[in-house]
Amino acid sequence: MADAIWDTIRASRRWLDEANGTELSELTCRILKVTEESGEAAGAWIGTLGQNPRKGVTHTRAQVAEELADVALTALVAIESLGLDAHSALEKCAAKVASRLPAPAAASVPRQD
C-alpha cells in the first residue's frame, strides 16, 4: 500500500486519541467500529441483490467496495490503537494466507519470514 495510506491510518489514530482519549473503553469502541462498518458493507451487498422487496436494488458493487474499504481502514486504525504496527500485522496476515494457497497462486505472493 502507498505510504499515504499508512500515514492516514496513523493520523486517524492520533486524531482519535486526541479527540476521545486512549482509555480501554475507547479502544473497545474502535474495535466495535469494525463490526459496525462490516454491517454497512453487508447492508450494501443486500442492497445490490434487491433482497428487500420494499426497497429494491439500492446499491452498486462499487458502493459495496467502498464499504469494504471502510472496514479495512477501520480495522487497521484499531490495530494501531492497540499500540501495534498495522502494516506489519497486515503483512504477517498476508504471508499466513499465502502459505495456505495452492502452489501456483502462492508463487506470485511474496513471503514474509
Protein backbone atom coordinates (compact mmCIF):
# COMPACT_ATOMS: atom_id res chain seq x y z
CA MET A 1 0.00 0.00 0.00
CA ALA A 2 1.11 3.52 -0.61
CA ASP A 3 2.78 5.42 2.20
CA ALA A 4 -0.10 7.91 2.12
CA ILE A 5 -2.48 5.17 3.24
CA TRP A 6 -0.31 4.22 6.21
CA ASP A 7 0.16 7.90 7.06
CA THR A 8 -3.63 8.33 7.01
CA ILE A 9 -4.10 5.33 9.30
CA ARG A 10 -1.60 6.67 11.83
CA ALA A 11 -3.02 10.20 11.57
CA SER A 12 -6.52 8.81 12.16
CA ARG A 13 -5.34 7.02 15.29
CA ARG A 14 -3.66 10.21 16.59
CA TRP A 15 -6.78 12.26 15.84
CA LEU A 16 -8.99 9.75 17.67
CA ASP A 17 -6.54 9.65 20.59
CA GLU A 18 -6.64 13.44 20.89
CA ALA A 19 -10.42 13.68 20.48
CA ASN A 20 -11.54 10.67 22.51
CA GLY A 21 -8.58 9.63 24.65
CA THR A 22 -7.00 6.21 24.88
CA GLU A 23 -8.89 4.56 27.71
CA LEU A 24 -9.90 0.91 27.44
CA SER A 25 -13.49 1.92 26.68
CA GLU A 26 -12.27 3.98 23.70
CA LEU A 27 -10.21 1.07 22.41
CA THR A 28 -13.29 -1.14 22.78
CA CYS A 29 -15.30 1.31 20.69
CA ARG A 30 -12.65 1.35 17.96
CA ILE A 31 -12.71 -2.43 17.76
CA LEU A 32 -16.52 -2.49 17.76
CA LYS A 33 -16.47 0.13 14.98
CA VAL A 34 -15.06 -2.59 12.71
CA THR A 35 -18.26 -4.58 13.26
CA GLU A 36 -20.40 -1.51 12.58
CA GLU A 37 -18.60 -0.89 9.29
CA SER A 38 -18.93 -4.58 8.42
CA GLY A 39 -22.68 -4.31 8.92
CA GLU A 40 -22.77 -1.39 6.49
CA ALA A 41 -20.92 -3.50 3.92
CA ALA A 42 -23.39 -6.34 4.45
CA GLY A 43 -26.30 -3.92 4.06
CA ALA A 44 -24.83 -2.57 0.84
CA TRP A 45 -24.43 -6.09 -0.54
CA ILE A 46 -28.04 -6.91 0.35
CA GLY A 47 -28.91 -3.70 -1.50
CA THR A 48 -27.15 -4.92 -4.65
CA LEU A 49 -29.24 -8.08 -4.55
CA GLY A 50 -32.51 -6.22 -4.12
CA GLN A 51 -33.30 -8.67 -1.34
CA ASN A 52 -35.64 -6.24 0.40
CA PRO A 53 -38.74 -6.10 -1.83
CA ARG A 54 -39.81 -2.81 -0.29
CA LYS A 55 -36.52 -1.11 -1.22
CA GLY A 56 -35.43 -3.00 -4.33
CA VAL A 57 -31.87 -2.58 -5.63
CA THR A 58 -30.28 0.23 -3.64
CA HIS A 59 -26.52 -0.20 -4.06
CA THR A 60 -23.87 -0.96 -6.67
CA ARG A 61 -20.83 -3.21 -6.40
CA ALA A 62 -18.70 -0.06 -6.33
CA GLN A 63 -20.59 1.08 -3.23
CA VAL A 64 -20.04 -2.33 -1.64
CA ALA A 65 -16.32 -1.97 -2.38
CA GLU A 66 -16.34 1.46 -0.70
CA GLU A 67 -17.95 -0.05 2.39
CA LEU A 68 -15.46 -2.93 2.44
CA ALA A 69 -12.62 -0.41 2.19
CA ASP A 70 -14.12 1.34 5.24
CA VAL A 71 -13.99 -1.99 7.08
CA ALA A 72 -10.33 -2.50 6.16
CA LEU A 73 -9.25 1.02 7.11
CA THR A 74 -11.20 0.90 10.37
CA ALA A 75 -9.58 -2.43 11.28
CA LEU A 76 -6.12 -1.05 10.55
CA VAL A 77 -6.78 2.00 12.75
CA ALA A 78 -7.94 -0.36 15.51
CA ILE A 79 -4.69 -2.34 15.21
CA GLU A 80 -2.68 0.88 15.52
CA SER A 81 -4.83 1.79 18.53
CA LEU A 82 -3.69 -1.44 20.20
CA GLY A 83 -0.18 0.02 20.07
CA LEU A 84 0.85 -2.30 17.25
CA ASP A 85 2.09 -1.63 13.73
CA ALA A 86 -0.84 -2.21 11.35
CA HIS A 87 1.44 -2.53 8.33
CA SER A 88 3.40 -5.36 9.96
CA ALA A 89 0.22 -7.05 11.15
CA LEU A 90 -1.24 -6.95 7.65
CA GLU A 91 1.95 -8.28 6.06
CA LYS A 92 2.06 -11.12 8.59
CA CYS A 93 -1.58 -11.97 7.87
CA ALA A 94 -0.97 -11.90 4.10
CA ALA A 95 2.02 -14.22 4.48
CA LYS A 96 -0.08 -16.63 6.56
CA VAL A 97 -2.81 -16.66 3.92
CA ALA A 98 -0.23 -17.04 1.12
CA SER A 99 1.23 -20.08 2.86
CA ARG A 100 -2.19 -21.77 2.66
CA LEU A 101 -2.71 -21.12 -1.05
CA PRO A 102 -2.05 -23.78 -3.68
CA ALA A 103 1.45 -23.53 -5.15
CA PRO A 104 0.60 -21.67 -8.42
CA ALA A 105 -1.42 -18.98 -6.63
CA ALA A 106 1.07 -18.63 -3.78
CA ALA A 107 4.03 -18.30 -6.16
CA SER A 108 3.02 -14.76 -7.09
CA VAL A 109 2.72 -13.62 -3.45
CA PRO A 110 5.95 -12.50 -1.74
CA ARG A 111 6.51 -14.38 1.52
CA GLN A 112 7.41 -12.70 4.81
CA ASP A 113 9.90 -14.51 7.02
